[in-house]
N, C-alpha and C. Protein backbone atom coordinates (compact mmCIF):
# COMPACT_ATOMS: atom_id res chain seq x y z
N MET A 1 -17.99 13.77 1.82
CA MET A 1 -17.39 14.52 0.55
C MET A 1 -17.15 13.36 -0.56
N LYS A 2 -17.41 13.96 -2.15
CA LYS A 2 -16.88 13.16 -3.00
C LYS A 2 -15.85 13.99 -3.69
N TYR A 3 -15.02 12.98 -3.79
CA TYR A 3 -13.61 13.64 -4.43
C TYR A 3 -13.77 13.78 -5.81
N HIS A 4 -12.59 14.86 -6.00
CA HIS A 4 -12.52 15.13 -7.65
C HIS A 4 -12.44 13.86 -8.52
N GLU A 5 -13.15 13.98 -9.65
CA GLU A 5 -13.05 12.91 -10.47
C GLU A 5 -12.67 13.38 -11.86
N GLU A 6 -11.99 14.24 -12.31
CA GLU A 6 -11.59 14.79 -13.54
C GLU A 6 -10.86 14.03 -14.09
N ILE A 7 -9.61 13.19 -13.23
CA ILE A 7 -8.91 12.14 -13.83
C ILE A 7 -9.32 11.00 -13.23
N HIS A 8 -10.14 9.82 -13.71
CA HIS A 8 -10.50 8.73 -13.21
C HIS A 8 -9.60 7.78 -12.95
N PHE A 9 -9.72 7.21 -11.99
CA PHE A 9 -8.80 5.98 -11.47
C PHE A 9 -9.58 4.56 -11.67
N PRO A 10 -8.75 3.49 -12.27
CA PRO A 10 -9.55 2.42 -12.24
C PRO A 10 -10.23 1.81 -11.06
N PHE A 11 -11.27 0.98 -11.33
CA PHE A 11 -11.70 0.34 -10.10
C PHE A 11 -10.60 -0.68 -9.38
N THR A 12 -10.70 -0.54 -7.98
CA THR A 12 -9.66 -0.92 -7.11
C THR A 12 -10.37 -1.93 -5.96
N LYS A 13 -9.77 -2.85 -5.86
CA LYS A 13 -10.50 -3.70 -4.73
C LYS A 13 -9.21 -4.55 -3.76
N TYR A 14 -9.57 -4.64 -2.87
CA TYR A 14 -8.68 -5.42 -1.76
C TYR A 14 -8.34 -6.78 -2.22
N SER A 15 -6.71 -6.88 -2.14
CA SER A 15 -6.31 -8.23 -2.91
C SER A 15 -6.02 -9.20 -1.85
N LEU A 16 -5.05 -8.95 -1.11
CA LEU A 16 -4.43 -9.84 -0.06
C LEU A 16 -3.61 -9.09 1.04
N SER A 17 -3.35 -9.50 2.19
CA SER A 17 -2.54 -8.99 3.18
C SER A 17 -1.18 -10.12 3.52
N ILE A 18 0.04 -9.71 3.70
CA ILE A 18 1.37 -10.55 3.91
C ILE A 18 1.87 -9.83 5.54
N GLY A 19 1.89 -10.76 6.16
CA GLY A 19 2.35 -10.40 7.27
C GLY A 19 3.92 -10.81 7.64
N THR A 20 4.57 -11.92 6.74
CA THR A 20 5.83 -12.19 6.87
C THR A 20 6.74 -12.03 5.71
N ALA A 21 7.84 -12.19 5.51
CA ALA A 21 8.66 -12.08 4.14
C ALA A 21 8.59 -13.18 3.55
N ASP A 22 8.23 -14.39 4.35
CA ASP A 22 8.16 -15.77 3.57
C ASP A 22 6.93 -15.97 2.68
N ASP A 23 6.00 -14.92 2.86
CA ASP A 23 4.73 -14.95 1.75
C ASP A 23 4.96 -13.84 0.69
N PHE A 24 6.06 -13.25 0.34
CA PHE A 24 6.31 -12.44 -0.65
C PHE A 24 6.23 -13.09 -1.78
N SER A 25 6.43 -14.40 -1.96
CA SER A 25 6.08 -15.20 -3.14
C SER A 25 4.54 -14.95 -3.57
N GLN A 26 3.53 -14.50 -2.51
CA GLN A 26 2.04 -14.47 -3.21
C GLN A 26 2.02 -13.02 -3.86
N ILE A 27 2.97 -12.06 -3.86
CA ILE A 27 3.00 -10.75 -4.38
C ILE A 27 2.86 -11.02 -5.76
N PRO A 28 1.94 -10.46 -6.54
CA PRO A 28 1.81 -10.24 -7.96
C PRO A 28 2.83 -9.88 -8.79
N GLU A 29 3.15 -10.32 -10.03
CA GLU A 29 4.43 -9.85 -11.02
C GLU A 29 4.17 -8.55 -11.43
N GLU A 30 3.01 -7.98 -11.51
CA GLU A 30 2.73 -6.47 -12.08
C GLU A 30 3.07 -5.30 -11.33
N PRO A 31 3.17 -4.24 -11.88
CA PRO A 31 3.78 -3.31 -11.11
C PRO A 31 3.15 -2.92 -9.85
N LEU A 32 3.92 -2.47 -8.72
CA LEU A 32 3.18 -1.98 -7.61
C LEU A 32 3.75 -0.69 -7.43
N VAL A 33 2.71 -0.10 -6.86
CA VAL A 33 2.74 1.33 -6.42
C VAL A 33 2.75 1.43 -4.75
N GLY A 34 3.78 1.82 -4.22
CA GLY A 34 3.63 1.45 -2.55
C GLY A 34 3.33 3.04 -2.21
N PHE A 35 2.66 2.92 -0.81
CA PHE A 35 2.49 3.89 -0.02
C PHE A 35 3.09 3.72 1.36
N VAL A 36 3.98 4.54 2.11
CA VAL A 36 4.25 4.43 3.40
C VAL A 36 4.40 5.79 4.22
N GLY A 37 4.26 5.85 5.57
CA GLY A 37 4.18 6.79 6.10
C GLY A 37 3.89 6.60 7.61
N ARG A 38 4.45 7.67 8.20
CA ARG A 38 4.26 7.59 10.04
C ARG A 38 2.86 7.49 10.32
N SER A 39 2.83 7.33 11.48
CA SER A 39 1.41 7.25 12.27
C SER A 39 0.69 8.49 12.01
N ASN A 40 -0.52 8.46 11.66
CA ASN A 40 -1.32 9.86 11.44
C ASN A 40 -0.92 10.60 10.19
N SER A 41 -0.23 9.83 9.18
CA SER A 41 -0.01 11.07 8.19
C SER A 41 -1.12 10.80 7.08
N GLY A 42 -2.20 10.15 7.20
CA GLY A 42 -3.36 10.35 6.62
C GLY A 42 -3.07 9.19 5.19
N LYS A 43 -2.29 8.15 5.68
CA LYS A 43 -2.17 7.20 4.48
C LYS A 43 -3.45 6.43 3.91
N SER A 44 -4.29 5.96 4.71
CA SER A 44 -5.37 5.37 4.21
C SER A 44 -6.52 6.57 3.65
N SER A 45 -6.58 7.63 4.35
CA SER A 45 -7.49 8.47 3.75
C SER A 45 -6.63 8.95 2.32
N LEU A 46 -5.59 8.94 1.88
CA LEU A 46 -4.77 9.23 0.99
C LEU A 46 -5.33 8.03 -0.07
N LEU A 47 -5.36 6.88 0.15
CA LEU A 47 -5.80 5.65 -0.61
C LEU A 47 -7.15 5.73 -1.11
N ASN A 48 -7.89 6.05 -0.18
CA ASN A 48 -9.40 6.17 -0.36
C ASN A 48 -9.70 7.18 -1.53
N ALA A 49 -8.99 8.55 -1.37
CA ALA A 49 -9.06 9.82 -2.18
C ALA A 49 -8.76 9.35 -3.69
N ILE A 50 -7.40 8.65 -3.60
CA ILE A 50 -6.97 8.35 -5.16
C ILE A 50 -7.90 7.59 -5.89
N THR A 51 -8.50 6.43 -4.92
CA THR A 51 -9.18 5.28 -5.61
C THR A 51 -10.66 6.09 -5.35
N ASN A 52 -11.14 6.89 -5.27
CA ASN A 52 -12.50 7.37 -5.09
C ASN A 52 -13.27 6.35 -4.54
N GLN A 53 -12.77 5.48 -3.22
CA GLN A 53 -13.66 4.32 -2.55
C GLN A 53 -13.35 4.82 -1.14
N LYS A 54 -14.08 5.36 -0.57
CA LYS A 54 -14.17 5.81 0.85
C LYS A 54 -13.72 4.12 1.52
N GLY A 55 -14.34 3.20 1.59
CA GLY A 55 -14.13 2.37 2.43
C GLY A 55 -12.92 1.23 1.99
N LEU A 56 -12.20 1.72 1.02
CA LEU A 56 -11.05 0.85 0.25
C LEU A 56 -10.15 0.49 1.46
N ALA A 57 -9.58 1.52 2.09
CA ALA A 57 -8.54 1.35 3.25
C ALA A 57 -9.10 1.74 4.46
N LYS A 58 -9.07 0.91 5.32
CA LYS A 58 -9.65 1.31 6.67
C LYS A 58 -8.94 2.72 7.58
N VAL A 59 -9.82 3.66 7.94
CA VAL A 59 -9.04 4.64 8.56
C VAL A 59 -9.55 4.54 10.02
N SER A 60 -8.31 4.44 10.90
CA SER A 60 -8.53 3.91 11.90
C SER A 60 -8.29 5.27 12.92
N LYS A 61 -9.09 5.09 14.02
CA LYS A 61 -8.83 6.35 14.91
C LYS A 61 -7.84 6.23 15.75
N SER A 62 -7.10 5.13 15.82
CA SER A 62 -5.53 5.06 16.62
C SER A 62 -4.87 4.88 15.45
N PRO A 63 -3.86 5.54 15.38
CA PRO A 63 -2.84 5.63 14.35
C PRO A 63 -1.82 4.33 14.58
N GLY A 64 -1.33 4.37 13.48
CA GLY A 64 0.00 3.14 13.38
C GLY A 64 -0.78 1.90 13.42
N LYS A 65 -1.83 1.70 12.97
CA LYS A 65 -2.53 0.16 13.10
C LYS A 65 -2.33 -0.70 11.76
N THR A 66 -1.56 -0.01 10.83
CA THR A 66 -1.10 -0.80 9.56
C THR A 66 0.09 -1.53 9.82
N LYS A 67 -0.26 -2.96 10.29
CA LYS A 67 0.93 -3.88 10.48
C LYS A 67 1.38 -4.69 9.67
N LEU A 68 0.38 -4.94 8.40
CA LEU A 68 0.57 -5.92 7.49
C LEU A 68 0.91 -5.03 6.32
N VAL A 69 1.53 -5.99 5.06
CA VAL A 69 1.52 -5.25 3.72
C VAL A 69 0.20 -5.73 3.02
N ASN A 70 -0.49 -4.48 2.91
CA ASN A 70 -2.10 -4.82 2.33
C ASN A 70 -1.77 -4.42 0.91
N LEU A 71 -2.39 -5.14 -0.13
CA LEU A 71 -2.52 -5.08 -1.59
C LEU A 71 -3.64 -5.03 -2.08
N PHE A 72 -3.94 -3.74 -3.06
CA PHE A 72 -5.14 -3.42 -3.78
C PHE A 72 -4.94 -3.69 -5.24
N THR A 73 -5.87 -4.52 -5.93
CA THR A 73 -5.51 -4.58 -6.95
C THR A 73 -6.44 -3.66 -8.19
N THR A 74 -5.88 -2.95 -9.23
CA THR A 74 -6.58 -2.13 -9.94
C THR A 74 -7.10 -3.03 -11.44
N LYS A 75 -7.89 -2.49 -11.86
CA LYS A 75 -8.50 -2.97 -13.41
C LYS A 75 -7.71 -2.82 -14.47
N GLN A 76 -6.54 -1.93 -14.08
CA GLN A 76 -5.46 -1.60 -15.35
C GLN A 76 -4.28 -2.48 -14.97
N GLY A 77 -4.40 -3.36 -14.21
CA GLY A 77 -3.43 -4.47 -13.66
C GLY A 77 -2.13 -4.08 -13.00
N PHE A 78 -2.31 -2.90 -12.45
CA PHE A 78 -0.92 -2.72 -11.49
C PHE A 78 -1.94 -2.45 -10.16
N HIS A 79 -1.02 -2.69 -9.15
CA HIS A 79 -1.51 -3.01 -7.51
C HIS A 79 -1.13 -1.64 -6.60
N LEU A 80 -1.82 -1.27 -5.71
CA LEU A 80 -1.40 -0.34 -5.03
C LEU A 80 -0.92 -1.11 -3.43
N VAL A 81 -0.06 -0.59 -2.62
CA VAL A 81 0.52 -1.33 -1.55
C VAL A 81 0.47 -0.50 -0.43
N ASP A 82 -0.29 -0.87 0.73
CA ASP A 82 -0.36 -0.05 1.53
C ASP A 82 0.55 -0.63 2.85
N LEU A 83 1.95 0.09 2.80
CA LEU A 83 2.86 -0.66 3.78
C LEU A 83 2.77 -0.21 5.11
N PRO A 84 3.52 -1.04 5.98
CA PRO A 84 3.52 -0.91 7.64
C PRO A 84 3.87 0.73 7.73
N GLY A 85 3.02 1.32 9.01
CA GLY A 85 3.42 2.63 9.18
C GLY A 85 4.67 2.38 10.43
N PHE A 86 5.30 3.50 10.38
CA PHE A 86 6.49 3.67 11.48
C PHE A 86 6.28 4.94 12.05
N GLY A 87 7.39 5.17 12.88
CA GLY A 87 7.12 6.21 14.08
C GLY A 87 6.63 5.93 15.09
N TYR A 88 6.10 6.75 15.68
CA TYR A 88 4.88 6.69 16.79
C TYR A 88 3.80 5.63 16.72
N SER A 89 3.32 4.68 17.05
CA SER A 89 2.33 4.33 17.16
C SER A 89 1.83 3.35 18.46
N LYS A 90 0.59 3.16 18.95
CA LYS A 90 0.20 2.34 19.93
C LYS A 90 0.57 0.92 20.04
N ALA A 91 1.23 0.40 18.83
CA ALA A 91 1.70 -1.11 19.05
C ALA A 91 2.88 -1.13 20.03
N SER A 92 3.03 -2.36 20.22
CA SER A 92 4.08 -2.63 21.42
C SER A 92 5.39 -2.73 20.76
N HIS A 93 6.44 -2.40 21.40
CA HIS A 93 7.57 -2.37 21.00
C HIS A 93 7.90 -3.60 20.12
N ARG A 94 7.63 -4.74 20.48
CA ARG A 94 8.12 -6.10 19.80
C ARG A 94 7.12 -5.80 18.29
N GLU A 95 5.80 -5.48 18.21
CA GLU A 95 5.12 -5.33 17.27
C GLU A 95 5.75 -4.32 16.20
N HIS A 96 6.04 -3.29 16.95
CA HIS A 96 6.68 -2.11 16.12
C HIS A 96 8.14 -2.52 15.41
N LYS A 97 8.88 -3.20 15.95
CA LYS A 97 9.96 -3.70 15.67
C LYS A 97 9.97 -4.78 14.38
N SER A 98 8.80 -5.61 14.67
CA SER A 98 8.33 -6.54 13.30
C SER A 98 7.79 -5.91 12.12
N MET A 99 7.28 -4.94 12.49
CA MET A 99 6.64 -3.95 11.41
C MET A 99 7.80 -3.34 10.61
N MET A 100 8.84 -2.91 11.30
CA MET A 100 9.65 -2.10 10.76
C MET A 100 10.64 -3.19 9.98
N GLU A 101 10.73 -4.34 10.34
CA GLU A 101 11.51 -5.21 9.77
C GLU A 101 11.02 -5.78 8.14
N LEU A 102 9.56 -6.08 8.30
CA LEU A 102 8.75 -6.31 7.20
C LEU A 102 8.79 -5.53 6.25
N LEU A 103 8.86 -3.81 6.68
CA LEU A 103 8.80 -2.83 5.63
C LEU A 103 10.25 -2.76 5.18
N ASP A 104 11.21 -3.20 5.81
CA ASP A 104 12.98 -2.98 5.25
C ASP A 104 12.86 -4.47 4.31
N ARG A 105 12.35 -5.19 4.72
CA ARG A 105 12.54 -6.57 3.79
C ARG A 105 11.67 -6.51 2.40
N PHE A 106 10.67 -5.82 2.63
CA PHE A 106 9.84 -5.47 1.46
C PHE A 106 10.35 -4.53 0.64
N LEU A 107 11.07 -3.60 1.03
CA LEU A 107 11.92 -2.62 -0.05
C LEU A 107 13.18 -3.27 -0.70
N ASN A 108 13.49 -4.27 0.34
CA ASN A 108 15.11 -4.73 -0.17
C ASN A 108 14.79 -5.92 -1.06
N GLN A 109 13.62 -6.68 -0.93
CA GLN A 109 13.38 -8.03 -1.45
C GLN A 109 12.23 -7.99 -3.01
N VAL A 110 11.48 -7.08 -2.64
CA VAL A 110 10.54 -7.17 -3.78
C VAL A 110 10.88 -6.30 -5.22
N GLN A 111 11.05 -6.77 -6.22
CA GLN A 111 11.63 -6.21 -7.20
C GLN A 111 10.54 -5.47 -8.05
N ASN A 112 9.38 -5.57 -8.16
CA ASN A 112 8.27 -4.79 -8.83
C ASN A 112 7.77 -3.74 -8.43
N LEU A 113 8.21 -2.98 -7.26
CA LEU A 113 7.65 -1.82 -6.77
C LEU A 113 8.41 -0.63 -7.56
N LYS A 114 7.83 -0.30 -8.15
CA LYS A 114 8.12 0.80 -8.96
C LYS A 114 8.23 2.31 -8.72
N VAL A 115 7.35 2.81 -7.72
CA VAL A 115 7.09 4.19 -7.27
C VAL A 115 6.68 3.77 -5.67
N LEU A 116 7.11 4.77 -4.78
CA LEU A 116 6.99 4.77 -3.38
C LEU A 116 6.56 5.95 -3.11
N PHE A 117 5.50 6.07 -2.68
CA PHE A 117 4.80 7.59 -2.11
C PHE A 117 5.19 7.43 -0.36
N ILE A 118 5.99 8.52 -0.31
CA ILE A 118 6.39 8.77 1.24
C ILE A 118 5.64 9.96 1.59
N LEU A 119 4.57 9.55 2.53
CA LEU A 119 3.71 10.39 3.18
C LEU A 119 4.18 11.21 4.42
N ILE A 120 3.92 12.41 4.51
CA ILE A 120 4.65 13.40 5.45
C ILE A 120 3.57 14.49 5.76
N ASP A 121 2.92 14.42 7.06
CA ASP A 121 2.02 15.37 7.57
C ASP A 121 2.55 16.93 7.43
N ALA A 122 2.04 17.73 6.52
CA ALA A 122 2.47 18.89 5.92
C ALA A 122 2.68 19.63 7.23
N GLN A 123 2.19 19.49 8.46
CA GLN A 123 2.11 20.21 9.78
C GLN A 123 3.40 20.09 10.44
N ARG A 124 4.41 18.89 10.17
CA ARG A 124 5.33 18.42 10.51
C ARG A 124 6.68 18.88 9.85
N GLU A 125 7.66 19.04 10.47
CA GLU A 125 9.33 19.39 9.73
C GLU A 125 9.49 17.99 8.98
N PHE A 126 10.38 17.85 7.99
CA PHE A 126 10.78 16.95 6.98
C PHE A 126 11.60 15.81 8.14
N PRO A 127 11.39 14.69 8.37
CA PRO A 127 12.22 13.82 9.42
C PRO A 127 13.35 13.52 8.65
N ALA A 128 14.36 13.17 9.35
CA ALA A 128 15.59 12.46 8.85
C ALA A 128 15.28 10.88 8.66
N GLU A 129 14.09 10.35 8.95
CA GLU A 129 14.02 8.90 8.53
C GLU A 129 13.54 8.87 7.29
N GLU A 130 12.64 9.72 7.02
CA GLU A 130 11.97 9.88 5.50
C GLU A 130 13.12 10.23 4.41
N VAL A 131 14.18 11.16 4.99
CA VAL A 131 15.14 11.36 3.94
C VAL A 131 15.97 10.07 3.70
N SER A 132 16.20 9.40 4.79
CA SER A 132 16.90 8.11 4.56
C SER A 132 16.12 7.29 3.72
N MET A 133 14.70 7.04 3.62
CA MET A 133 14.06 6.26 2.91
C MET A 133 14.16 6.73 1.32
N ILE A 134 14.27 8.06 1.09
CA ILE A 134 14.47 8.61 -0.36
C ILE A 134 15.97 8.00 -0.78
N GLU A 135 16.80 7.98 -0.02
CA GLU A 135 18.17 7.51 -0.48
C GLU A 135 17.86 5.79 -0.68
N THR A 136 17.33 5.18 0.20
CA THR A 136 16.98 3.88 0.14
C THR A 136 16.33 3.22 -1.17
N CYS A 137 15.42 4.30 -1.67
CA CYS A 137 14.55 4.19 -3.13
C CYS A 137 15.60 4.50 -4.19
N GLN A 138 16.63 5.37 -4.19
CA GLN A 138 17.48 5.57 -5.14
C GLN A 138 18.35 4.48 -5.23
N LYS A 139 18.90 3.83 -4.36
CA LYS A 139 19.83 2.58 -4.42
C LYS A 139 19.10 1.52 -4.78
N LYS A 140 17.45 1.20 -4.55
CA LYS A 140 16.89 0.24 -5.31
C LYS A 140 16.58 0.31 -6.50
N LYS A 141 16.33 1.79 -7.07
CA LYS A 141 15.69 1.95 -8.30
C LYS A 141 14.24 2.05 -8.20
N ILE A 142 13.82 2.18 -6.96
CA ILE A 142 12.47 2.65 -6.97
C ILE A 142 12.29 4.24 -6.88
N ARG A 143 11.00 4.54 -7.51
CA ARG A 143 11.27 6.16 -7.74
C ARG A 143 10.42 6.54 -6.52
N PRO A 144 11.02 7.69 -5.66
CA PRO A 144 10.47 8.05 -4.66
C PRO A 144 9.96 9.44 -4.81
N VAL A 145 8.41 9.22 -4.18
CA VAL A 145 7.61 10.53 -4.28
C VAL A 145 7.34 11.05 -2.80
N VAL A 146 7.44 12.30 -2.64
CA VAL A 146 6.85 13.16 -1.16
C VAL A 146 5.85 13.44 -1.34
N VAL A 147 4.93 13.01 -0.45
CA VAL A 147 3.56 13.69 -0.38
C VAL A 147 3.14 14.20 1.09
N ARG A 148 3.06 15.66 0.83
CA ARG A 148 2.81 16.40 2.25
C ARG A 148 1.48 16.50 2.30
N THR A 149 0.89 15.70 3.41
CA THR A 149 -0.63 15.51 3.61
C THR A 149 -0.82 16.56 4.33
N LYS A 150 -2.60 16.72 4.46
CA LYS A 150 -3.38 17.59 5.16
C LYS A 150 -2.96 18.88 4.74
N ALA A 151 -2.95 19.29 3.71
CA ALA A 151 -2.40 20.56 3.11
C ALA A 151 -3.36 21.59 3.31
N ASP A 152 -4.56 21.25 3.50
CA ASP A 152 -5.75 22.29 3.89
C ASP A 152 -5.66 23.07 5.16
N LYS A 153 -4.80 22.51 6.13
CA LYS A 153 -4.46 23.14 7.18
C LYS A 153 -3.38 24.23 7.31
N LEU A 154 -2.82 24.28 5.85
CA LEU A 154 -1.74 25.39 5.91
C LEU A 154 -2.18 26.60 5.14
N ASN A 155 -1.55 27.50 5.47
CA ASN A 155 -1.69 28.95 5.19
C ASN A 155 -0.60 29.07 3.97
N GLN A 156 -0.70 30.19 3.26
CA GLN A 156 0.04 30.34 1.78
C GLN A 156 1.49 30.44 2.23
N ARG A 157 1.80 31.13 3.25
CA ARG A 157 3.01 31.20 3.59
C ARG A 157 3.90 29.83 4.57
N GLU A 158 2.96 28.94 4.84
CA GLU A 158 3.57 27.73 5.27
C GLU A 158 3.63 26.80 4.11
N LYS A 159 2.67 26.85 3.03
CA LYS A 159 2.94 26.15 1.89
C LYS A 159 4.18 26.41 1.11
N ILE A 160 4.40 27.82 1.04
CA ILE A 160 5.73 28.06 0.28
C ILE A 160 7.15 27.61 1.22
N HIS A 161 6.99 27.50 2.61
CA HIS A 161 8.01 26.77 3.23
C HIS A 161 8.27 25.39 3.10
N ILE A 162 7.07 24.92 2.77
CA ILE A 162 7.07 23.25 2.28
C ILE A 162 7.86 23.02 1.16
N VAL A 163 7.68 23.87 0.29
CA VAL A 163 8.11 24.00 -1.07
C VAL A 163 9.75 23.90 -0.76
N ARG A 164 10.19 24.93 -0.29
CA ARG A 164 11.35 25.39 -0.27
C ARG A 164 12.20 24.42 0.65
N ASP A 165 11.61 23.87 1.59
CA ASP A 165 11.98 22.59 2.32
C ASP A 165 12.50 21.49 1.69
N ALA A 166 11.63 21.03 0.67
CA ALA A 166 11.63 19.98 -0.29
C ALA A 166 13.08 20.30 -1.01
N GLU A 167 12.97 21.42 -1.76
CA GLU A 167 14.13 21.93 -2.53
C GLU A 167 15.70 21.94 -2.04
N GLU A 168 15.61 22.41 -0.79
CA GLU A 168 16.96 22.24 0.00
C GLU A 168 17.32 20.79 0.39
N ILE A 169 16.31 20.05 0.94
CA ILE A 169 16.77 18.70 0.94
C ILE A 169 17.22 18.01 -0.13
N MET A 170 16.33 18.19 -1.37
CA MET A 170 16.77 17.88 -2.65
C MET A 170 18.39 18.23 -2.99
N ASN A 171 18.60 19.42 -2.51
CA ASN A 171 20.06 19.85 -3.08
C ASN A 171 21.21 18.90 -1.94
N HIS A 172 20.56 19.29 -0.73
CA HIS A 172 21.68 18.24 0.31
C HIS A 172 21.74 17.14 0.23
N ILE A 173 21.02 16.00 -0.51
CA ILE A 173 21.25 14.61 -0.78
C ILE A 173 21.66 14.45 -2.32
N GLY A 174 21.44 15.21 -3.10
CA GLY A 174 21.74 15.06 -4.25
C GLY A 174 20.97 13.98 -5.17
N ILE A 175 19.42 13.94 -4.70
CA ILE A 175 18.66 13.19 -5.03
C ILE A 175 17.15 14.18 -5.60
N PRO A 176 16.69 14.51 -6.83
CA PRO A 176 15.62 14.89 -7.18
C PRO A 176 14.36 14.10 -7.00
N PHE A 177 13.56 14.56 -6.52
CA PHE A 177 12.32 13.58 -6.15
C PHE A 177 10.91 14.70 -6.17
N PRO A 178 10.07 14.08 -7.06
CA PRO A 178 8.76 14.79 -7.25
C PRO A 178 8.25 14.92 -5.86
N TYR A 179 7.23 16.06 -5.49
CA TYR A 179 6.58 16.07 -4.30
C TYR A 179 5.30 16.94 -4.51
N PHE A 180 4.29 16.50 -3.66
CA PHE A 180 3.06 17.07 -3.86
C PHE A 180 2.45 17.67 -2.68
N LEU A 181 2.02 18.47 -2.72
CA LEU A 181 0.96 18.79 -1.65
C LEU A 181 -0.65 18.42 -1.73
N CYS A 182 -0.99 17.89 -0.61
CA CYS A 182 -2.54 17.40 -0.99
C CYS A 182 -3.13 17.24 0.09
N SER A 183 -4.77 16.85 0.05
CA SER A 183 -5.62 17.26 1.03
C SER A 183 -6.46 16.12 0.63
N SER A 184 -6.78 15.19 1.55
CA SER A 184 -7.89 14.09 1.41
C SER A 184 -9.17 14.56 1.69
N THR A 185 -9.14 15.85 2.34
CA THR A 185 -10.58 16.51 2.70
C THR A 185 -11.09 17.29 1.45
N ASN A 186 -10.25 18.11 1.04
CA ASN A 186 -10.76 19.02 0.05
C ASN A 186 -10.48 18.38 -1.35
N GLY A 187 -9.69 17.52 -1.53
CA GLY A 187 -9.30 16.66 -3.09
C GLY A 187 -8.22 17.50 -3.45
N LYS A 188 -7.30 18.58 -2.97
CA LYS A 188 -6.02 19.22 -3.24
C LYS A 188 -4.97 18.29 -3.68
N GLY A 189 -4.50 18.14 -4.90
CA GLY A 189 -3.47 17.32 -5.34
C GLY A 189 -3.86 15.87 -5.81
N ILE A 190 -5.20 15.61 -5.58
CA ILE A 190 -5.37 14.07 -5.76
C ILE A 190 -5.20 13.72 -7.34
N ASN A 191 -5.65 14.57 -8.17
CA ASN A 191 -5.82 14.34 -9.39
C ASN A 191 -4.50 14.45 -9.66
N GLU A 192 -3.40 15.00 -9.27
CA GLU A 192 -2.16 15.19 -9.72
C GLU A 192 -1.51 14.07 -9.49
N ILE A 193 -1.60 13.19 -8.41
CA ILE A 193 -0.90 12.23 -8.01
C ILE A 193 -1.58 11.02 -8.97
N ARG A 194 -3.06 10.87 -9.01
CA ARG A 194 -3.30 10.11 -10.12
C ARG A 194 -2.58 10.04 -11.41
N LYS A 195 -2.49 11.30 -12.00
CA LYS A 195 -1.86 11.31 -13.24
C LYS A 195 -0.46 10.81 -13.18
N PHE A 196 0.22 11.14 -12.22
CA PHE A 196 1.46 10.90 -11.79
C PHE A 196 1.67 9.46 -11.67
N ILE A 197 0.60 8.57 -11.13
CA ILE A 197 0.92 7.18 -11.28
C ILE A 197 0.60 6.61 -12.79
N PHE A 198 -0.30 7.27 -13.51
CA PHE A 198 -0.66 6.66 -14.89
C PHE A 198 0.76 7.18 -15.55
N ASP A 199 1.21 7.98 -15.64
CA ASP A 199 2.50 8.65 -16.28
C ASP A 199 3.46 7.42 -15.95
N SER A 200 4.18 7.49 -14.61
CA SER A 200 4.97 6.69 -14.42
C SER A 200 5.08 5.12 -14.76
N LEU A 201 3.66 4.63 -14.88
CA LEU A 201 3.57 3.16 -15.35
C LEU A 201 3.16 3.23 -16.66
N GLY A 202 3.33 4.16 -17.70
CA GLY A 202 3.02 4.15 -18.93
C GLY A 202 1.50 3.97 -19.47
N ILE A 203 0.55 4.27 -18.52
CA ILE A 203 -0.85 4.06 -18.76
C ILE A 203 -1.64 5.51 -18.98
N SER A 204 -2.29 4.94 -19.98
CA SER A 204 -3.32 6.23 -20.57
C SER A 204 -4.54 6.74 -19.76
N GLN A 205 -4.98 7.73 -19.66
CA GLN A 205 -6.11 8.26 -18.94
C GLN A 205 -7.21 7.34 -19.02
N VAL A 206 -7.70 6.88 -17.85
CA VAL A 206 -8.75 5.91 -17.62
C VAL A 206 -10.08 6.50 -17.98
N LYS A 207 -10.74 5.96 -18.71
CA LYS A 207 -12.21 6.53 -18.88
C LYS A 207 -13.05 5.91 -17.66
N GLN A 208 -14.06 7.05 -17.49
CA GLN A 208 -14.97 6.55 -16.27
C GLN A 208 -15.77 5.58 -16.48
N GLU A 209 -15.84 4.81 -15.66
CA GLU A 209 -16.63 3.34 -15.52
C GLU A 209 -17.93 3.76 -15.10
N ARG A 210 -19.08 3.07 -15.92
CA ARG A 210 -20.30 3.26 -15.56
C ARG A 210 -20.80 2.17 -14.85
């Protein structure tokens, strides 16, 4: 399927992978836009949909395979960051602990992360760990954005529940955050996320590349 292209995203290519905090010095100084989510949240599919490049981020049949910090560079000078997955995965306990430590140190040490998209499968309840991540973003002056993925699998009543759920959490923690319902399958919400990235970084709309 060809994703919606009304709002064009700059050409994006893989840049580098980082496996330890000692290598954070390799991270470019330009603005970073991060993506994090549990196993099977659809993170790779969302990255591919946003960039309109199906093979950019590898979609694994085994959830929880993102163990490194993977950077992708855009022609507009900012970078997308695919962060290690958390929650259930087939990784060993030691591997999972290492992934979580890498993610935690990234959020605490990297200063040019401007936006963090927190992906949650729309068919699941809003987990407490994701709420904690929103609070961490607030403390670190990173803009948290919640993305409820796989929205094509919801009926209208379920979509209304998702919106109310987000509003209740905002009221509970006292932190307003943008949220999107999206689907990498039918393109719902993809253009809105692209526009949000551009607006957050002060970038004018990208012209279609020939």
